[in-house]
Every structure is written in C-alpha cells, then in structure tokens.
Protein backbone atom coordinates (compact mmCIF):
# COMPACT_ATOMS: atom_id res chain seq x y z
CA MET A 1 109.75 101.66 69.24
CA ARG A 2 109.68 103.33 72.09
CA VAL A 3 107.05 102.66 75.61
CA LYS A 4 106.01 105.05 78.18
CA ALA A 5 107.10 103.57 81.72
CA SER A 6 103.04 105.34 82.98
CA ALA A 7 100.93 107.00 82.17
CA ALA A 8 101.11 110.81 83.61
CA LYS A 9 99.02 111.78 86.34
CA ALA A 10 96.50 115.07 85.67
CA LYS A 11 97.27 117.99 87.42
CA PRO A 12 94.69 119.03 90.19
CA ALA A 13 92.29 121.85 89.89
CA PRO A 14 93.85 125.24 90.33
CA ALA A 15 92.85 126.38 94.46
CA THR A 16 90.80 129.01 92.84
CA GLU A 17 88.47 126.84 90.88
CA THR A 18 87.97 124.86 94.66
CA SER A 19 87.41 127.56 96.28
CA ASP A 20 84.66 128.80 93.89
CA SER A 21 83.30 125.53 94.12
CA LEU A 22 82.89 125.62 98.02
CA ASP A 23 81.51 129.09 97.96
CA ALA A 24 78.87 127.95 95.44
CA GLN A 25 77.97 124.64 97.89
CA VAL A 26 77.45 126.80 100.63
CA GLU A 27 75.67 129.33 98.79
CA ALA A 28 73.46 126.72 97.64
CA PHE A 29 73.33 124.81 101.27
CA LEU A 30 72.06 127.99 102.83
CA LYS A 31 69.51 128.85 99.89
CA SER A 32 67.84 125.45 100.83
CA GLY A 33 67.24 126.19 104.23
CA GLY A 34 70.53 124.74 105.85
CA LYS A 35 72.09 126.51 108.65
CA ILE A 36 76.15 126.73 109.37
CA GLN A 37 76.49 125.68 113.40
CA GLN A 38 79.94 127.37 114.61
CA ILE A 39 81.77 124.95 116.57
CA ALA A 40 84.00 126.74 119.82
CA LYS A 41 87.80 126.38 119.33
CA GLY A 42 89.53 123.23 120.63
CA VAL A 43 86.39 121.64 120.95
CA SER A 44 86.17 118.05 119.08
CA GLY A 45 83.05 116.50 116.69
CA GLN A 46 84.45 113.29 118.06
CA THR A 47 82.10 111.75 120.86
CA TYR A 48 83.76 108.84 122.86
CA GLY A 49 82.78 106.01 124.04
CA VAL A 50 83.96 102.62 125.24
CA SER A 51 87.88 103.43 125.19
CA LYS A 52 89.96 101.12 122.42
CA GLN A 53 93.31 102.04 124.23
CA ILE A 54 95.10 99.03 124.90
CA THR A 55 96.73 98.33 128.14
CA ILE A 56 99.51 95.70 128.36
CA SER A 57 100.54 95.12 131.77
CA LYS A 58 104.30 93.55 132.88
CA LYS A 59 104.53 90.07 135.13
C-alpha cells in the first residue's frame, strides 16, 4: 500500500474572483457611509516616534 507524503494544497482563488470580491467590499463600504481618502504618492501611513535604530560605536 502506498501512502502520500503530504496532502495536496488547495489552489488559490482566481484573481478575477478576488477582484470582484474586493469591488463588492468597496461598494458596501461606500454605501454604509464610508469615505475613501486618497493619499499623495510617496507619502507613508507610518507615524514615526522614538527611533528604534541601534547605533554601535567603535571603542
């Protein structure tokens, strides 16, 4: 008797199904009173606080 090494992974949904789903979600969001804010190109949504960069000095 032969045993499979691993279970086959399910294939991801086609891109068109994902795109249609996203369009439906955006439409539902807008109908519920949501607003889409357009951010200028090159602007990040990250806010910067205290630097987490580590500085190693030579002694």
